[in-house]
Structure formats: C-alpha cells, structure tokens
C-alpha atoms as a PDB file:
ATOM      1  CA  UNK A   1     100.186  69.440 -45.246  1.00  0.00           C
ATOM      2  CA  UNK A   2      99.497  67.696 -48.555  1.00  0.00           C
ATOM      3  CA  UNK A   3      96.584  68.964 -50.719  1.00  0.00           C
ATOM      4  CA  UNK A   4      94.127  66.682 -52.499  1.00  0.00           C
ATOM      5  CA  UNK A   5      94.614  67.240 -56.347  1.00  0.00           C
ATOM      6  CA  UNK A   6      93.893  63.796 -57.825  1.00  0.00           C
ATOM      7  CA  UNK A   7      90.497  64.043 -59.686  1.00  0.00           C
ATOM      8  CA  UNK A   8      90.532  60.388 -60.755  1.00  0.00           C
ATOM      9  CA  UNK A   9      87.428  58.653 -59.641  1.00  0.00           C
ATOM     10  CA  UNK A  10      87.088  55.155 -58.849  1.00  0.00           C
ATOM     11  CA  UNK A  11      83.676  53.934 -59.901  1.00  0.00           C
ATOM     12  CA  UNK A  12      81.474  51.617 -58.035  1.00  0.00           C
ATOM     13  CA  UNK A  13      80.611  48.602 -59.930  1.00  0.00           C
ATOM     14  CA  UNK A  14      77.614  48.195 -61.928  1.00  0.00           C
ATOM     15  CA  UNK A  15      75.197  45.514 -61.657  1.00  0.00           C
ATOM     16  CA  UNK A  16      76.596  42.205 -61.502  1.00  0.00           C
ATOM     17  CA  UNK A  17      80.228  43.304 -61.159  1.00  0.00           C
ATOM     18  CA  UNK A  18      82.556  43.219 -58.068  1.00  0.00           C
ATOM     19  CA  UNK A  19      83.970  46.274 -56.529  1.00  0.00           C
ATOM     20  CA  UNK A  20      87.168  46.670 -54.598  1.00  0.00           C
ATOM     21  CA  UNK A  21      86.456  50.392 -54.046  1.00  0.00           C
ATOM     22  CA  UNK A  22      83.463  49.921 -51.846  1.00  0.00           C
ATOM     23  CA  UNK A  23      84.099  50.582 -48.009  1.00  0.00           C
ATOM     24  CA  UNK A  24      83.685  47.501 -45.707  1.00  0.00           C
ATOM     25  CA  UNK A  25      79.950  47.259 -44.534  1.00  0.00           C
ATOM     26  CA  UNK A  26      78.359  48.486 -47.695  1.00  0.00           C
ATOM     27  CA  UNK A  27      78.185  45.154 -49.588  1.00  0.00           C
ATOM     28  CA  UNK A  28      74.628  44.381 -48.692  1.00  0.00           C
ATOM     29  CA  UNK A  29      73.518  47.769 -49.796  1.00  0.00           C
ATOM     30  CA  UNK A  30      75.543  47.287 -53.181  1.00  0.00           C
ATOM     31  CA  UNK A  31      73.981  43.921 -53.744  1.00  0.00           C
ATOM     32  CA  UNK A  32      70.497  45.290 -53.221  1.00  0.00           C
ATOM     33  CA  UNK A  33      71.177  48.159 -55.639  1.00  0.00           C
ATOM     34  CA  UNK A  34      72.430  45.759 -58.271  1.00  0.00           C
ATOM     35  CA  UNK A  35      69.417  43.563 -57.812  1.00  0.00           C
ATOM     36  CA  UNK A  36      67.178  46.338 -58.088  1.00  0.00           C
ATOM     37  CA  UNK A  37      68.631  47.639 -61.282  1.00  0.00           C
ATOM     38  CA  UNK A  38      68.549  44.312 -62.653  1.00  0.00           C
ATOM     39  CA  UNK A  39      64.782  43.894 -62.164  1.00  0.00           C
ATOM     40  CA  UNK A  40      62.687  43.520 -65.284  1.00  0.00           C
ATOM     41  CA  UNK A  41      60.127  46.371 -64.968  1.00  0.00           C
ATOM     42  CA  UNK A  42      57.839  44.837 -67.612  1.00  0.00           C
ATOM     43  CA  UNK A  43      57.272  41.873 -65.168  1.00  0.00           C
ATOM     44  CA  UNK A  44      55.636  44.184 -62.455  1.00  0.00           C
ATOM     45  CA  UNK A  45      51.768  45.119 -62.537  1.00  0.00           C
ATOM     46  CA  UNK A  46      50.946  48.835 -62.069  1.00  0.00           C
ATOM     47  CA  UNK A  47      50.272  48.745 -58.265  1.00  0.00           C
ATOM     48  CA  UNK A  48      53.720  46.948 -57.726  1.00  0.00           C
ATOM     49  CA  UNK A  49      55.484  49.467 -59.857  1.00  0.00           C
ATOM     50  CA  UNK A  50      53.952  52.360 -58.053  1.00  0.00           C
ATOM     51  CA  UNK A  51      54.777  50.903 -54.770  1.00  0.00           C
ATOM     52  CA  UNK A  52      58.307  50.378 -55.639  1.00  0.00           C
ATOM     53  CA  UNK A  53      58.622  53.964 -56.964  1.00  0.00           C
ATOM     54  CA  UNK A  54      57.441  55.372 -53.581  1.00  0.00           C
ATOM     55  CA  UNK A  55      59.286  52.718 -51.727  1.00  0.00           C
ATOM     56  CA  UNK A  56      62.673  53.486 -53.366  1.00  0.00           C
ATOM     57  CA  UNK A  57      62.336  57.146 -52.926  1.00  0.00           C
ATOM     58  CA  UNK A  58      61.666  56.647 -49.179  1.00  0.00           C
ATOM     59  CA  UNK A  59      64.750  54.707 -48.977  1.00  0.00           C
ATOM     60  CA  UNK A  60      66.834  57.027 -51.020  1.00  0.00           C
ATOM     61  CA  UNK A  61      65.808  59.574 -48.685  1.00  0.00           C
ATOM     62  CA  UNK A  62      66.833  57.411 -45.548  1.00  0.00           C
ATOM     63  CA  UNK A  63      70.255  56.826 -47.354  1.00  0.00           C
ATOM     64  CA  UNK A  64      70.644  60.507 -48.218  1.00  0.00           C
ATOM     65  CA  UNK A  65      70.128  61.314 -44.361  1.00  0.00           C
ATOM     66  CA  UNK A  66      72.731  58.703 -43.504  1.00  0.00           C
ATOM     67  CA  UNK A  67      75.087  60.085 -46.013  1.00  0.00           C
ATOM     68  CA  UNK A  68      74.733  63.801 -44.619  1.00  0.00           C
ATOM     69  CA  UNK A  69      75.311  62.308 -41.157  1.00  0.00           C
ATOM     70  CA  UNK A  70      78.661  60.608 -42.450  1.00  0.00           C
ATOM     71  CA  UNK A  71      79.647  63.953 -44.179  1.00  0.00           C
ATOM     72  CA  UNK A  72      79.003  66.057 -41.094  1.00  0.00           C
ATOM     73  CA  UNK A  73      81.238  63.759 -39.091  1.00  0.00           C
ATOM     74  CA  UNK A  74      83.964  63.685 -41.766  1.00  0.00           C
ATOM     75  CA  UNK A  75      84.015  67.420 -42.156  1.00  0.00           C
ATOM     76  CA  UNK A  76      83.956  68.123 -38.432  1.00  0.00           C
ATOM     77  CA  UNK A  77      87.011  65.710 -38.291  1.00  0.00           C
ATOM     78  CA  UNK A  78      88.832  67.220 -41.448  1.00  0.00           C
ATOM     79  CA  UNK A  79      88.791  63.723 -42.773  1.00  0.00           C
ATOM     80  CA  UNK A  80      88.477  64.746 -46.442  1.00  0.00           C
ATOM     81  CA  UNK A  81      91.141  62.963 -48.424  1.00  0.00           C
ATOM     82  CA  UNK A  82      92.006  60.413 -45.512  1.00  0.00           C
ATOM     83  CA  UNK A  83      91.229  57.456 -47.814  1.00  0.00           C
ATOM     84  CA  UNK A  84      94.102  58.361 -50.005  1.00  0.00           C
ATOM     85  CA  UNK A  85      96.381  59.436 -47.160  1.00  0.00           C
ATOM     86  CA  UNK A  86      96.057  63.016 -47.768  1.00  0.00           C
ATOM     87  CA  UNK A  87      94.352  66.121 -46.225  1.00  0.00           C
ATOM     88  CA  UNK A  88      92.002  68.064 -48.143  1.00  0.00           C
ATOM     89  CA  UNK A  89      89.084  70.598 -47.763  1.00  0.00           C
ATOM     90  CA  UNK A  90      85.837  68.861 -47.866  1.00  0.00           C
ATOM     91  CA  UNK A  91      84.525  70.829 -50.649  1.00  0.00           C
ATOM     92  CA  UNK A  92      87.461  69.743 -52.876  1.00  0.00           C
ATOM     93  CA  UNK A  93      87.487  66.260 -51.549  1.00  0.00           C
ATOM     94  CA  UNK A  94      83.636  66.065 -52.574  1.00  0.00           C
ATOM     95  CA  UNK A  95      84.321  67.506 -56.029  1.00  0.00           C
ATOM     96  CA  UNK A  96      86.931  65.234 -56.816  1.00  0.00           C
ATOM     97  CA  UNK A  97      85.802  62.078 -55.227  1.00  0.00           C
ATOM     98  CA  UNK A  98      82.205  62.217 -55.913  1.00  0.00           C
ATOM     99  CA  UNK A  99      82.155  64.469 -59.019  1.00  0.00           C
ATOM    100  CA  UNK A 100      80.297  67.112 -57.387  1.00  0.00           C
ATOM    101  CA  UNK A 101      79.957  70.513 -58.779  1.00  0.00           C
ATOM    102  CA  UNK A 102      81.139  73.642 -56.929  1.00  0.00           C
ATOM    103  CA  UNK A 103      77.508  74.575 -56.518  1.00  0.00           C
END
C-alpha cells in the first residue's frame, strides 16, 4: 500500500477565478462564496449587515455539519488519498490536503 506523502495543496480559486480542483457538485456553493466575498459591505445598512453576519454563521455551521458527515464516511471507508490514487491515514491526509494542524 502506498503512503500519502505529497503535501502540495491545490488551492480553491478565489473570487472570480475558475477552479479545476473543486469536486463536481460544488460549483453553486463556490459561486455563492465568491459572490459573498465580492459584496461591497459599505452598501449594507446596519440591519442588513447584522442579519448577514448571523445568516452566514448559520450556513457555515450547516456546511461544517455536512463536512463532518463526509469526513466520517471517508474515514470509515479508508478513502483518504483516494483522489490522488493513494491510500493514506485520515489524519495525515487532512494535514496535507487541508493544511490542518496535528492538533
């Protein structure tokens, strides 16, 4: 079994950039994030700004829950590194692919 050792990370594109590294099905989410990043916050009133702060936090929590669900499934299957054709322990795969700390 090959061990995952490549620490090179393919960045997800910034606002207005195309991304060839996003998995299929995440295009709409990437577009929404890019649009949010490009918003001129000076155009928002205080009420709208406060509502967006709370709304985005709620959406982030939901996205985090979805990520944890995906992570649990990948870990249970031993799928770490599969996107690169290698087998890797989940923790090492996350450190390399997501720039996560060992903690």
